[in-house]
């Protein structure tokens, strides 16, 4: 899925505080199937940009096109449906459903997508959990998992529906070097096989060598690395 940003601005404003514009992107695009590392210091706006690309945060002004579709021209329910079926998002804080097991969390996008029956959904979720090293943790709830294990569940969930666009916010932050390598291998290989676009936001310098396309978010703008 190709991604196009045009005249994108996002400003945070709160009562009694000076408004702060964190994104000022005139024209930027990612080709379908591209794998992009988005770098930037803490507070530079990386998470804000990913939330906008995921359809979760309307920009103050500007256009976001995903696969030719103007994301924020859609009614909210259609945008939710598009996100459930074509966008996989690995949140920095994971955002797993606390009352569901690891297996049920990974199945969630498949339930919303309504493309597979129950047995096929379960088989897909099991396969993904196994692939991130959680074969023995299918029934564990998030509170019973370590931070790194919760992240791996979030990775499996993001890939479950075979999305056309995968967004990852600091996906290696809570992982040791070996686990980080395994998770990034899974993300990049899965997206490569599916022809999906992958955008990873991170300030981990070890990731730079894994990407041919590196973009720096500085002063609100995107600069090719």
N, C-alpha and C. Protein backbone atom coordinates (compact mmCIF):
# COMPACT_ATOMS: atom_id res chain seq x y z
N UNK A 1 0.85 -1.19 0.00
CA UNK A 1 0.00 0.00 0.00
C UNK A 1 0.89 1.25 0.00
N UNK A 2 0.67 2.14 -0.95
CA UNK A 2 1.42 3.39 -0.96
C UNK A 2 0.80 4.38 0.02
N UNK A 3 1.63 5.26 0.54
CA UNK A 3 1.21 6.27 1.51
C UNK A 3 1.65 7.64 1.00
N UNK A 4 0.72 8.60 1.00
CA UNK A 4 1.02 9.95 0.52
C UNK A 4 0.55 10.96 1.57
N UNK A 5 1.44 11.89 1.90
CA UNK A 5 1.10 13.00 2.80
C UNK A 5 1.22 14.30 2.04
N UNK A 6 0.19 15.15 2.17
CA UNK A 6 0.19 16.43 1.47
C UNK A 6 -0.20 17.54 2.44
N UNK A 7 0.66 18.53 2.55
CA UNK A 7 0.41 19.72 3.38
C UNK A 7 -0.08 19.32 4.79
N UNK A 8 0.59 18.36 5.36
CA UNK A 8 0.18 17.83 6.66
C UNK A 8 0.71 18.72 7.79
N UNK A 9 -0.17 19.13 8.66
CA UNK A 9 0.19 19.89 9.85
C UNK A 9 -0.55 19.28 11.05
N UNK A 10 0.16 19.21 12.17
CA UNK A 10 -0.54 18.81 13.40
C UNK A 10 -0.06 19.68 14.54
N UNK A 11 -1.03 20.28 15.22
CA UNK A 11 -0.75 21.21 16.31
C UNK A 11 -1.47 20.75 17.57
N UNK A 12 -0.73 20.73 18.66
CA UNK A 12 -1.33 20.44 19.96
C UNK A 12 -1.62 21.77 20.66
N UNK A 13 -2.85 21.91 21.13
CA UNK A 13 -3.24 23.12 21.83
C UNK A 13 -3.99 22.74 23.11
N UNK A 14 -3.67 23.43 24.19
CA UNK A 14 -4.35 23.19 25.46
C UNK A 14 -4.60 24.54 26.12
N UNK A 15 -5.67 24.59 26.88
CA UNK A 15 -6.05 25.84 27.54
C UNK A 15 -4.90 26.34 28.43
N UNK A 16 -4.55 27.59 28.24
CA UNK A 16 -3.51 28.19 29.07
C UNK A 16 -2.10 27.93 28.61
N UNK A 17 -1.94 27.11 27.56
CA UNK A 17 -0.60 26.79 27.05
C UNK A 17 -0.46 27.26 25.62
N UNK A 18 0.76 27.56 25.24
CA UNK A 18 1.02 27.98 23.87
C UNK A 18 0.88 26.79 22.93
N UNK A 19 0.19 26.99 21.81
CA UNK A 19 0.02 25.91 20.83
C UNK A 19 1.37 25.48 20.30
N UNK A 20 1.51 24.16 20.06
CA UNK A 20 2.79 23.62 19.59
C UNK A 20 2.55 22.77 18.35
N UNK A 21 3.13 23.18 17.24
CA UNK A 21 3.01 22.42 15.99
C UNK A 21 4.16 21.43 15.92
N UNK A 22 3.82 20.13 15.86
CA UNK A 22 4.86 19.09 15.89
C UNK A 22 5.12 18.49 14.52
N UNK A 23 4.16 18.64 13.59
CA UNK A 23 4.36 18.09 12.24
C UNK A 23 4.08 19.17 11.20
N UNK A 24 5.02 19.32 10.27
CA UNK A 24 4.89 20.25 9.15
C UNK A 24 5.48 19.57 7.92
N UNK A 25 4.67 18.74 7.28
CA UNK A 25 5.15 17.92 6.16
C UNK A 25 4.43 18.36 4.89
N UNK A 26 5.14 18.96 3.98
CA UNK A 26 4.50 19.50 2.77
C UNK A 26 4.12 18.40 1.79
N UNK A 27 5.06 17.51 1.49
CA UNK A 27 4.80 16.49 0.48
C UNK A 27 5.76 15.32 0.71
N UNK A 28 5.20 14.16 0.99
CA UNK A 28 6.04 12.97 1.23
C UNK A 28 5.24 11.74 0.84
N UNK A 29 5.94 10.73 0.31
CA UNK A 29 5.25 9.50 -0.04
C UNK A 29 6.14 8.29 0.16
N UNK A 30 5.50 7.17 0.45
CA UNK A 30 6.16 5.88 0.57
C UNK A 30 5.55 4.96 -0.47
N UNK A 31 6.40 4.34 -1.26
CA UNK A 31 5.91 3.43 -2.30
C UNK A 31 5.36 2.16 -1.68
N UNK A 32 4.45 1.54 -2.38
CA UNK A 32 3.90 0.27 -1.92
C UNK A 32 5.01 -0.76 -1.77
N UNK A 33 5.05 -1.43 -0.63
CA UNK A 33 6.05 -2.44 -0.38
C UNK A 33 7.36 -1.91 0.19
N UNK A 34 7.47 -0.61 0.36
CA UNK A 34 8.69 -0.02 0.92
C UNK A 34 8.84 -0.39 2.39
N UNK A 35 10.09 -0.43 2.85
CA UNK A 35 10.39 -0.64 4.26
C UNK A 35 11.19 0.57 4.73
N UNK A 36 10.62 1.33 5.66
CA UNK A 36 11.16 2.64 6.02
C UNK A 36 11.43 2.70 7.52
N UNK A 37 12.60 3.20 7.87
CA UNK A 37 12.92 3.49 9.26
C UNK A 37 12.72 4.97 9.49
N UNK A 38 11.85 5.29 10.43
CA UNK A 38 11.56 6.68 10.80
C UNK A 38 12.31 6.99 12.09
N UNK A 39 13.31 7.86 12.00
CA UNK A 39 14.12 8.19 13.16
C UNK A 39 13.76 9.57 13.70
N UNK A 40 14.03 9.75 14.98
CA UNK A 40 13.79 11.05 15.60
C UNK A 40 13.97 10.95 17.09
N UNK A 41 14.38 12.04 17.71
CA UNK A 41 14.57 12.03 19.16
C UNK A 41 13.21 11.94 19.84
N UNK A 42 13.23 11.60 21.12
CA UNK A 42 12.00 11.54 21.89
C UNK A 42 11.30 12.90 21.85
N UNK A 43 10.00 12.89 21.56
CA UNK A 43 9.24 14.13 21.48
C UNK A 43 9.25 14.79 20.11
N UNK A 44 9.87 14.14 19.13
CA UNK A 44 9.96 14.75 17.79
C UNK A 44 8.68 14.61 16.99
N UNK A 45 7.77 13.73 17.43
CA UNK A 45 6.49 13.58 16.73
C UNK A 45 6.32 12.25 16.02
N UNK A 46 7.23 11.30 16.29
CA UNK A 46 7.13 10.00 15.60
C UNK A 46 5.81 9.29 15.91
N UNK A 47 5.46 9.22 17.19
CA UNK A 47 4.21 8.54 17.55
C UNK A 47 3.00 9.27 17.00
N UNK A 48 3.03 10.60 17.04
CA UNK A 48 1.93 11.38 16.47
C UNK A 48 1.75 11.05 15.00
N UNK A 49 2.85 10.98 14.26
CA UNK A 49 2.75 10.67 12.83
C UNK A 49 2.21 9.27 12.61
N UNK A 50 2.67 8.29 13.38
CA UNK A 50 2.14 6.93 13.22
C UNK A 50 0.66 6.87 13.54
N UNK A 51 0.23 7.57 14.59
CA UNK A 51 -1.19 7.59 14.93
C UNK A 51 -2.03 8.19 13.81
N UNK A 52 -1.49 9.21 13.15
CA UNK A 52 -2.19 9.81 12.00
C UNK A 52 -2.26 8.81 10.85
N UNK A 53 -1.15 8.14 10.57
CA UNK A 53 -1.12 7.16 9.47
C UNK A 53 -2.05 5.98 9.76
N UNK A 54 -2.24 5.67 11.03
CA UNK A 54 -3.09 4.54 11.41
C UNK A 54 -4.58 4.89 11.39
N UNK A 55 -4.90 6.14 11.14
CA UNK A 55 -6.30 6.54 11.13
C UNK A 55 -6.87 6.80 12.50
N UNK A 56 -5.99 6.97 13.50
CA UNK A 56 -6.45 7.17 14.87
C UNK A 56 -6.49 8.63 15.30
N UNK A 57 -5.74 9.48 14.60
CA UNK A 57 -5.61 10.88 15.01
C UNK A 57 -5.72 11.78 13.79
N UNK A 58 -6.87 12.44 13.61
CA UNK A 58 -6.99 13.34 12.46
C UNK A 58 -5.97 14.47 12.55
N UNK A 59 -5.25 14.74 11.47
CA UNK A 59 -4.30 15.86 11.51
C UNK A 59 -5.05 17.18 11.60
N UNK A 60 -4.37 18.21 12.06
CA UNK A 60 -4.99 19.52 12.14
C UNK A 60 -5.40 19.99 10.75
N UNK A 61 -4.50 19.82 9.78
CA UNK A 61 -4.80 20.10 8.37
C UNK A 61 -4.02 19.13 7.51
N UNK A 62 -4.42 19.03 6.25
CA UNK A 62 -3.68 18.21 5.31
C UNK A 62 -4.39 16.93 4.91
N UNK A 63 -3.76 16.20 4.00
CA UNK A 63 -4.34 15.00 3.41
C UNK A 63 -3.43 13.81 3.67
N UNK A 64 -4.04 12.69 4.04
CA UNK A 64 -3.33 11.42 4.20
C UNK A 64 -4.00 10.43 3.27
N UNK A 65 -3.23 9.90 2.31
CA UNK A 65 -3.77 8.91 1.38
C UNK A 65 -3.08 7.58 1.60
N UNK A 66 -3.88 6.55 1.76
CA UNK A 66 -3.36 5.19 1.90
C UNK A 66 -3.99 4.34 0.80
N UNK A 67 -3.15 3.84 -0.10
CA UNK A 67 -3.67 3.08 -1.22
C UNK A 67 -4.61 3.89 -2.09
N UNK A 68 -4.35 5.18 -2.20
CA UNK A 68 -5.19 6.05 -3.03
C UNK A 68 -6.42 6.57 -2.33
N UNK A 69 -6.71 6.06 -1.13
CA UNK A 69 -7.90 6.47 -0.39
C UNK A 69 -7.54 7.58 0.60
N UNK A 70 -8.29 8.69 0.53
CA UNK A 70 -8.08 9.77 1.48
C UNK A 70 -8.62 9.33 2.84
N UNK A 71 -7.70 9.04 3.76
CA UNK A 71 -8.06 8.37 5.00
C UNK A 71 -9.09 9.15 5.81
N UNK A 72 -8.89 10.45 5.94
CA UNK A 72 -9.77 11.23 6.81
C UNK A 72 -10.96 11.83 6.07
N UNK A 73 -11.12 11.46 4.80
CA UNK A 73 -12.35 11.79 4.09
C UNK A 73 -13.41 10.72 4.36
N UNK A 74 -12.99 9.60 4.93
CA UNK A 74 -13.91 8.50 5.23
C UNK A 74 -14.69 8.77 6.51
N UNK A 75 -15.94 8.33 6.57
CA UNK A 75 -16.66 8.36 7.86
C UNK A 75 -15.90 7.50 8.87
N UNK A 76 -16.06 7.80 10.14
CA UNK A 76 -15.27 7.13 11.17
C UNK A 76 -15.44 5.61 11.14
N UNK A 77 -16.68 5.14 10.91
CA UNK A 77 -16.88 3.68 10.90
C UNK A 77 -16.16 3.02 9.73
N UNK A 78 -16.09 3.69 8.58
CA UNK A 78 -15.37 3.13 7.43
C UNK A 78 -13.87 3.18 7.67
N UNK A 79 -13.42 4.23 8.35
CA UNK A 79 -11.99 4.32 8.68
C UNK A 79 -11.61 3.21 9.67
N UNK A 80 -12.48 2.93 10.62
CA UNK A 80 -12.24 1.82 11.56
C UNK A 80 -12.15 0.49 10.82
N UNK A 81 -13.03 0.30 9.84
CA UNK A 81 -13.04 -0.95 9.09
C UNK A 81 -11.76 -1.08 8.25
N UNK A 82 -11.36 0.03 7.64
CA UNK A 82 -10.12 0.02 6.85
C UNK A 82 -8.93 -0.32 7.74
N UNK A 83 -8.89 0.28 8.92
CA UNK A 83 -7.78 0.02 9.83
C UNK A 83 -7.75 -1.44 10.26
N UNK A 84 -8.93 -2.01 10.52
CA UNK A 84 -9.00 -3.40 10.99
C UNK A 84 -8.55 -4.38 9.92
N UNK A 85 -8.76 -4.04 8.67
CA UNK A 85 -8.50 -5.01 7.60
C UNK A 85 -7.19 -4.78 6.86
N UNK A 86 -6.66 -3.57 6.88
CA UNK A 86 -5.50 -3.29 6.03
C UNK A 86 -4.32 -2.64 6.75
N UNK A 87 -4.47 -2.25 8.01
CA UNK A 87 -3.39 -1.59 8.73
C UNK A 87 -3.09 -2.36 10.01
N UNK A 88 -1.85 -2.77 10.17
CA UNK A 88 -1.40 -3.40 11.40
C UNK A 88 -0.55 -2.42 12.18
N UNK A 89 -0.83 -2.26 13.48
CA UNK A 89 -0.13 -1.24 14.28
C UNK A 89 0.42 -1.87 15.55
N UNK A 90 1.72 -1.74 15.75
CA UNK A 90 2.37 -2.18 16.98
C UNK A 90 2.61 -0.94 17.82
N UNK A 91 1.79 -0.78 18.84
CA UNK A 91 1.88 0.40 19.70
C UNK A 91 3.08 0.29 20.63
N UNK A 92 3.63 1.44 20.99
CA UNK A 92 4.76 1.46 21.91
C UNK A 92 4.38 0.86 23.26
N UNK A 93 3.16 1.12 23.71
CA UNK A 93 2.70 0.58 25.00
C UNK A 93 1.85 -0.68 24.81
N UNK A 94 1.89 -1.25 23.62
CA UNK A 94 1.30 -2.54 23.27
C UNK A 94 -0.22 -2.52 23.17
N UNK A 95 -0.93 -1.97 24.20
CA UNK A 95 -2.39 -1.87 24.17
C UNK A 95 -3.07 -3.22 23.92
N UNK A 96 -2.63 -4.25 24.61
CA UNK A 96 -3.32 -5.54 24.54
C UNK A 96 -4.56 -5.50 25.43
N UNK A 97 -5.58 -6.24 25.04
CA UNK A 97 -6.80 -6.33 25.85
C UNK A 97 -6.49 -7.14 27.11
N UNK A 98 -6.58 -6.56 28.30
CA UNK A 98 -6.09 -7.23 29.51
C UNK A 98 -6.88 -8.47 29.91
N UNK A 99 -8.13 -8.55 29.51
CA UNK A 99 -8.96 -9.69 29.92
C UNK A 99 -8.88 -10.85 28.94
N UNK A 100 -8.19 -10.67 27.82
CA UNK A 100 -8.08 -11.72 26.82
C UNK A 100 -6.72 -12.41 26.91
N UNK A 101 -6.69 -13.66 26.50
CA UNK A 101 -5.43 -14.39 26.45
C UNK A 101 -4.58 -13.88 25.29
N UNK A 102 -3.33 -14.30 25.27
CA UNK A 102 -2.45 -13.94 24.15
C UNK A 102 -3.07 -14.39 22.83
N UNK A 103 -3.59 -15.61 22.82
CA UNK A 103 -4.20 -16.14 21.60
C UNK A 103 -5.39 -15.29 21.17
N UNK A 104 -6.24 -14.94 22.12
CA UNK A 104 -7.44 -14.15 21.80
C UNK A 104 -7.06 -12.75 21.33
N UNK A 105 -6.00 -12.17 21.91
CA UNK A 105 -5.55 -10.86 21.45
C UNK A 105 -5.11 -10.90 19.99
N UNK A 106 -4.40 -11.95 19.62
CA UNK A 106 -3.93 -12.06 18.23
C UNK A 106 -5.10 -12.31 17.28
N UNK A 107 -6.12 -12.99 17.77
CA UNK A 107 -7.30 -13.28 16.93
C UNK A 107 -8.16 -12.05 16.67
N UNK A 108 -8.06 -11.02 17.51
CA UNK A 108 -8.97 -9.88 17.42
C UNK A 108 -9.08 -9.26 16.04
N UNK A 109 -7.97 -8.94 15.36
CA UNK A 109 -8.10 -8.35 14.02
C UNK A 109 -8.81 -9.27 13.04
N UNK A 110 -8.67 -10.58 13.24
CA UNK A 110 -9.31 -11.54 12.35
C UNK A 110 -10.81 -11.58 12.58
N UNK A 111 -11.22 -11.37 13.83
CA UNK A 111 -12.65 -11.30 14.13
C UNK A 111 -13.26 -10.08 13.45
N UNK A 112 -12.57 -8.92 13.58
CA UNK A 112 -13.08 -7.70 12.96
C UNK A 112 -13.10 -7.80 11.44
N UNK A 113 -12.09 -8.47 10.89
CA UNK A 113 -12.00 -8.60 9.44
C UNK A 113 -13.02 -9.52 8.84
N UNK A 114 -13.49 -10.51 9.62
CA UNK A 114 -14.56 -11.43 9.20
C UNK A 114 -14.23 -12.19 7.93
N UNK A 115 -12.96 -12.50 7.71
CA UNK A 115 -12.58 -13.23 6.50
C UNK A 115 -12.37 -14.72 6.76
N UNK A 116 -12.17 -15.09 8.04
CA UNK A 116 -11.88 -16.48 8.37
C UNK A 116 -12.88 -16.99 9.38
N UNK A 117 -13.14 -18.31 9.33
CA UNK A 117 -14.00 -18.89 10.35
C UNK A 117 -13.21 -19.08 11.64
N UNK A 118 -13.89 -19.51 12.69
CA UNK A 118 -13.27 -19.56 14.02
C UNK A 118 -12.04 -20.46 14.07
N UNK A 119 -12.13 -21.63 13.46
CA UNK A 119 -11.00 -22.56 13.51
C UNK A 119 -9.80 -22.02 12.74
N UNK A 120 -10.06 -21.37 11.62
CA UNK A 120 -8.98 -20.80 10.82
C UNK A 120 -8.34 -19.62 11.55
N UNK A 121 -9.16 -18.83 12.25
CA UNK A 121 -8.62 -17.72 13.04
C UNK A 121 -7.68 -18.23 14.13
N UNK A 122 -8.12 -19.27 14.82
CA UNK A 122 -7.31 -19.83 15.90
C UNK A 122 -6.01 -20.41 15.36
N UNK A 123 -6.08 -21.10 14.24
CA UNK A 123 -4.88 -21.68 13.65
C UNK A 123 -3.89 -20.59 13.24
N UNK A 124 -4.39 -19.51 12.66
CA UNK A 124 -3.54 -18.40 12.26
C UNK A 124 -2.87 -17.76 13.48
N UNK A 125 -3.66 -17.55 14.55
CA UNK A 125 -3.12 -16.93 15.76
C UNK A 125 -2.07 -17.82 16.42
N UNK A 126 -2.32 -19.12 16.45
CA UNK A 126 -1.33 -20.05 17.02
C UNK A 126 -0.02 -20.02 16.23
N UNK A 127 -0.14 -20.02 14.93
CA UNK A 127 1.04 -20.00 14.06
C UNK A 127 1.88 -18.74 14.33
N UNK A 128 1.23 -17.60 14.47
CA UNK A 128 1.95 -16.36 14.70
C UNK A 128 2.60 -16.32 16.08
N UNK A 129 1.88 -16.77 17.10
CA UNK A 129 2.47 -16.80 18.43
C UNK A 129 3.68 -17.74 18.48
N UNK A 130 3.56 -18.86 17.80
CA UNK A 130 4.71 -19.77 17.73
C UNK A 130 5.90 -19.09 17.06
N UNK A 131 5.62 -18.31 16.02
CA UNK A 131 6.70 -17.68 15.25
C UNK A 131 7.44 -16.61 16.03
N UNK A 132 6.79 -16.05 17.08
CA UNK A 132 7.48 -15.05 17.91
C UNK A 132 7.96 -15.66 19.23
N UNK A 133 8.03 -16.99 19.28
CA UNK A 133 8.60 -17.66 20.43
C UNK A 133 7.69 -17.80 21.63
N UNK A 134 6.37 -17.78 21.40
CA UNK A 134 5.42 -17.86 22.51
C UNK A 134 4.55 -19.11 22.42
N UNK A 135 5.12 -20.18 21.98
CA UNK A 135 4.39 -21.44 21.81
C UNK A 135 3.72 -21.88 23.12
N UNK A 136 4.37 -21.65 24.24
CA UNK A 136 3.85 -22.12 25.53
C UNK A 136 3.07 -21.06 26.29
N UNK A 137 2.71 -19.98 25.63
CA UNK A 137 2.07 -18.87 26.34
C UNK A 137 0.72 -18.47 25.72
N UNK A 138 0.12 -19.35 24.96
CA UNK A 138 -1.13 -19.02 24.26
C UNK A 138 -2.24 -18.59 25.22
N UNK A 139 -2.31 -19.22 26.39
CA UNK A 139 -3.42 -18.95 27.30
C UNK A 139 -3.10 -17.88 28.34
N UNK A 140 -1.89 -17.38 28.33
CA UNK A 140 -1.51 -16.35 29.30
C UNK A 140 -2.17 -15.02 28.95
N UNK A 141 -2.59 -14.30 29.99
CA UNK A 141 -3.10 -12.95 29.80
C UNK A 141 -1.93 -11.96 29.90
N UNK A 142 -2.12 -10.74 29.39
CA UNK A 142 -1.01 -9.79 29.37
C UNK A 142 -0.31 -9.60 30.71
N UNK A 143 -1.07 -9.57 31.81
CA UNK A 143 -0.47 -9.36 33.12
C UNK A 143 0.45 -10.51 33.53
N UNK A 144 0.29 -11.65 32.89
CA UNK A 144 1.11 -12.82 33.20
C UNK A 144 2.34 -12.91 32.30
N UNK A 145 2.52 -11.92 31.47
CA UNK A 145 3.64 -11.91 30.52
C UNK A 145 4.61 -10.79 30.86
N UNK A 146 5.86 -10.98 30.49
CA UNK A 146 6.85 -9.92 30.66
C UNK A 146 6.59 -8.83 29.62
N UNK A 147 7.26 -7.69 29.79
CA UNK A 147 7.11 -6.60 28.83
C UNK A 147 7.51 -7.05 27.43
N UNK A 148 8.62 -7.77 27.33
CA UNK A 148 9.07 -8.26 26.03
C UNK A 148 8.10 -9.25 25.41
N UNK A 149 7.50 -10.10 26.24
CA UNK A 149 6.52 -11.07 25.73
C UNK A 149 5.27 -10.36 25.25
N UNK A 150 4.84 -9.33 25.97
CA UNK A 150 3.67 -8.57 25.53
C UNK A 150 3.93 -7.91 24.18
N UNK A 151 5.15 -7.41 24.01
CA UNK A 151 5.50 -6.82 22.72
C UNK A 151 5.40 -7.85 21.61
N UNK A 152 5.86 -9.07 21.87
CA UNK A 152 5.80 -10.10 20.84
C UNK A 152 4.35 -10.46 20.49
N UNK A 153 3.48 -10.46 21.49
CA UNK A 153 2.06 -10.67 21.21
C UNK A 153 1.54 -9.54 20.32
N UNK A 154 1.96 -8.31 20.61
CA UNK A 154 1.52 -7.16 19.81
C UNK A 154 2.00 -7.27 18.37
N UNK A 155 3.21 -7.78 18.17
CA UNK A 155 3.73 -7.99 16.82
C UNK A 155 2.89 -9.03 16.08
N UNK A 156 2.61 -10.14 16.76
CA UNK A 156 1.79 -11.19 16.16
C UNK A 156 0.40 -10.65 15.80
N UNK A 157 -0.18 -9.86 16.70
CA UNK A 157 -1.51 -9.29 16.44
C UNK A 157 -1.49 -8.36 15.22
N UNK A 158 -0.44 -7.55 15.11
CA UNK A 158 -0.35 -6.61 13.99
C UNK A 158 -0.26 -7.32 12.65
N UNK A 159 0.33 -8.51 12.64
CA UNK A 159 0.51 -9.25 11.39
C UNK A 159 -0.65 -10.19 11.07
N UNK A 160 -1.57 -10.36 12.02
CA UNK A 160 -2.58 -11.40 11.91
C UNK A 160 -3.41 -11.32 10.64
N UNK A 161 -3.88 -10.13 10.31
CA UNK A 161 -4.79 -9.97 9.17
C UNK A 161 -4.05 -9.77 7.85
N UNK A 162 -2.73 -9.98 7.87
CA UNK A 162 -1.89 -9.78 6.67
C UNK A 162 -2.16 -8.40 6.06
N UNK A 163 -1.91 -7.35 6.87
CA UNK A 163 -2.24 -5.98 6.44
C UNK A 163 -1.35 -5.51 5.30
N UNK A 164 -1.83 -4.51 4.58
CA UNK A 164 -1.07 -3.92 3.48
C UNK A 164 -0.11 -2.85 3.98
N UNK A 165 -0.35 -2.35 5.19
CA UNK A 165 0.50 -1.34 5.81
C UNK A 165 0.73 -1.75 7.26
N UNK A 166 2.01 -1.85 7.65
CA UNK A 166 2.36 -2.19 9.03
C UNK A 166 3.14 -1.03 9.63
N UNK A 167 2.68 -0.57 10.79
CA UNK A 167 3.32 0.53 11.51
C UNK A 167 3.83 -0.01 12.84
N UNK A 168 5.04 0.33 13.21
CA UNK A 168 5.62 -0.17 14.45
C UNK A 168 6.29 0.97 15.20
N UNK A 169 5.86 1.21 16.42
CA UNK A 169 6.38 2.29 17.25
C UNK A 169 7.35 1.72 18.28
N UNK A 170 8.65 1.94 18.07
CA UNK A 170 9.70 1.45 18.96
C UNK A 170 9.55 -0.05 19.25
N UNK A 171 9.51 -0.90 18.22
CA UNK A 171 9.21 -2.32 18.44
C UNK A 171 10.31 -3.10 19.14
N UNK A 172 11.51 -2.52 19.27
CA UNK A 172 12.60 -3.26 19.91
C UNK A 172 12.99 -2.67 21.27
N UNK A 173 12.24 -1.67 21.73
CA UNK A 173 12.65 -0.92 22.92
C UNK A 173 12.77 -1.80 24.17
N UNK A 174 11.92 -2.82 24.32
CA UNK A 174 11.92 -3.63 25.54
C UNK A 174 12.58 -4.98 25.35
N UNK A 175 13.31 -5.15 24.26
CA UNK A 175 13.86 -6.46 23.92
C UNK A 175 15.38 -6.48 24.03
N UNK A 176 15.91 -7.66 24.37
CA UNK A 176 17.36 -7.84 24.30
C UNK A 176 17.76 -7.98 22.83
N UNK A 177 19.08 -8.00 22.59
CA UNK A 177 19.57 -7.98 21.22
C UNK A 177 19.07 -9.17 20.41
N UNK A 178 19.06 -10.35 21.01
CA UNK A 178 18.63 -11.55 20.29
C UNK A 178 17.15 -11.48 19.94
N UNK A 179 16.33 -11.09 20.92
CA UNK A 179 14.88 -10.99 20.67
C UNK A 179 14.57 -9.89 19.67
N UNK A 180 15.31 -8.79 19.77
CA UNK A 180 15.13 -7.68 18.83
C UNK A 180 15.39 -8.14 17.40
N UNK A 181 16.46 -8.88 17.22
CA UNK A 181 16.82 -9.39 15.90
C UNK A 181 15.71 -10.30 15.36
N UNK A 182 15.18 -11.18 16.23
CA UNK A 182 14.15 -12.13 15.81
C UNK A 182 12.86 -11.41 15.43
N UNK A 183 12.47 -10.42 16.23
CA UNK A 183 11.24 -9.68 15.95
C UNK A 183 11.36 -8.89 14.65
N UNK A 184 12.49 -8.23 14.45
CA UNK A 184 12.68 -7.46 13.22
C UNK A 184 12.75 -8.38 12.00
N UNK A 185 13.36 -9.54 12.15
CA UNK A 185 13.36 -10.51 11.05
C UNK A 185 11.93 -10.89 10.67
N UNK A 186 11.11 -11.17 11.70
CA UNK A 186 9.72 -11.56 11.45
C UNK A 186 8.96 -10.43 10.77
N UNK A 187 9.10 -9.21 11.29
CA UNK A 187 8.39 -8.07 10.71
C UNK A 187 8.79 -7.85 9.26
N UNK A 188 10.08 -7.79 9.01
CA UNK A 188 10.54 -7.47 7.66
C UNK A 188 10.25 -8.60 6.67
N UNK A 189 10.46 -9.83 7.08
CA UNK A 189 10.20 -10.95 6.17
C UNK A 189 8.71 -11.09 5.88
N UNK A 190 7.88 -10.93 6.91
CA UNK A 190 6.42 -11.04 6.72
C UNK A 190 5.93 -9.98 5.75
N UNK A 191 6.40 -8.76 5.92
CA UNK A 191 5.99 -7.66 5.05
C UNK A 191 6.53 -7.86 3.64
N UNK A 192 7.75 -8.35 3.54
CA UNK A 192 8.34 -8.58 2.22
C UNK A 192 7.55 -9.62 1.44
N UNK A 193 7.20 -10.72 2.13
CA UNK A 193 6.45 -11.79 1.45
C UNK A 193 5.07 -11.31 1.00
N UNK A 194 4.44 -10.48 1.83
CA UNK A 194 3.09 -10.01 1.53
C UNK A 194 3.07 -8.78 0.64
N UNK A 195 4.24 -8.19 0.38
CA UNK A 195 4.28 -6.95 -0.38
C UNK A 195 3.74 -5.77 0.39
N UNK A 196 3.74 -5.87 1.73
CA UNK A 196 3.19 -4.82 2.57
C UNK A 196 4.22 -3.72 2.82
N UNK A 197 3.74 -2.53 3.00
CA UNK A 197 4.58 -1.40 3.37
C UNK A 197 4.85 -1.45 4.87
N UNK A 198 6.09 -1.23 5.26
CA UNK A 198 6.47 -1.26 6.68
C UNK A 198 7.12 0.06 7.06
N UNK A 199 6.59 0.70 8.10
CA UNK A 199 7.19 1.93 8.63
C UNK A 199 7.47 1.70 10.11
N UNK A 200 8.75 1.74 10.47
CA UNK A 200 9.18 1.50 11.85
C UNK A 200 9.73 2.79 12.42
N UNK A 201 9.14 3.26 13.51
CA UNK A 201 9.64 4.44 14.21
C UNK A 201 10.53 3.99 15.35
N UNK A 202 11.76 4.48 15.37
CA UNK A 202 12.70 4.04 16.41
C UNK A 202 13.88 4.99 16.48
N UNK A 203 14.46 5.08 17.69
CA UNK A 203 15.74 5.78 17.82
C UNK A 203 16.85 4.78 18.13
N UNK A 204 16.58 3.49 17.90
CA UNK A 204 17.58 2.44 18.10
C UNK A 204 18.58 2.47 16.95
N UNK A 205 19.84 2.87 17.20
CA UNK A 205 20.81 2.98 16.09
C UNK A 205 21.12 1.65 15.42
N UNK A 206 20.86 0.54 16.12
CA UNK A 206 21.17 -0.77 15.55
C UNK A 206 20.26 -1.11 14.38
N UNK A 207 19.13 -0.42 14.25
CA UNK A 207 18.18 -0.75 13.18
C UNK A 207 18.56 -0.11 11.84
N UNK A 208 19.40 0.89 11.86
CA UNK A 208 19.68 1.65 10.64
C UNK A 208 20.22 0.77 9.52
N UNK A 209 21.04 -0.21 9.86
CA UNK A 209 21.64 -1.06 8.82
C UNK A 209 20.64 -2.02 8.20
N UNK A 210 19.47 -2.15 8.80
CA UNK A 210 18.46 -3.09 8.28
C UNK A 210 17.58 -2.46 7.20
N UNK A 211 17.66 -1.15 7.04
CA UNK A 211 16.75 -0.45 6.13
C UNK A 211 17.52 0.31 5.06
N UNK A 212 17.06 0.17 3.83
CA UNK A 212 17.62 0.95 2.73
C UNK A 212 17.05 2.37 2.71
N UNK A 213 15.86 2.51 3.27
CA UNK A 213 15.17 3.81 3.26
C UNK A 213 15.05 4.30 4.70
N UNK A 214 15.79 5.36 5.02
CA UNK A 214 15.79 5.95 6.36
C UNK A 214 15.32 7.40 6.25
N UNK A 215 14.38 7.78 7.11
CA UNK A 215 13.84 9.14 7.12
C UNK A 215 13.97 9.70 8.53
N UNK A 216 14.46 10.93 8.62
CA UNK A 216 14.61 11.60 9.91
C UNK A 216 13.51 12.62 10.10
N UNK A 217 12.85 12.57 11.27
CA UNK A 217 11.83 13.56 11.62
C UNK A 217 12.51 14.64 12.48
N UNK A 218 12.69 15.80 11.88
CA UNK A 218 13.36 16.91 12.58
C UNK A 218 12.57 18.19 12.37
N UNK A 219 12.36 18.92 13.47
CA UNK A 219 11.66 20.21 13.38
C UNK A 219 10.34 20.09 12.65
N UNK A 220 9.68 18.94 12.82
CA UNK A 220 8.36 18.74 12.24
C UNK A 220 8.35 18.23 10.81
N UNK A 221 9.53 18.22 10.15
CA UNK A 221 9.58 17.79 8.76
C UNK A 221 10.27 16.47 8.58
N UNK A 222 10.04 15.83 7.45
CA UNK A 222 10.68 14.56 7.11
C UNK A 222 11.85 14.82 6.18
N UNK A 223 13.01 14.27 6.53
CA UNK A 223 14.24 14.48 5.77
C UNK A 223 14.85 13.12 5.46
N UNK A 224 15.12 12.88 4.20
CA UNK A 224 15.71 11.61 3.80
C UNK A 224 17.08 11.45 4.44
N UNK A 225 17.30 10.26 5.07
CA UNK A 225 18.56 10.03 5.77
C UNK A 225 19.67 9.59 4.83
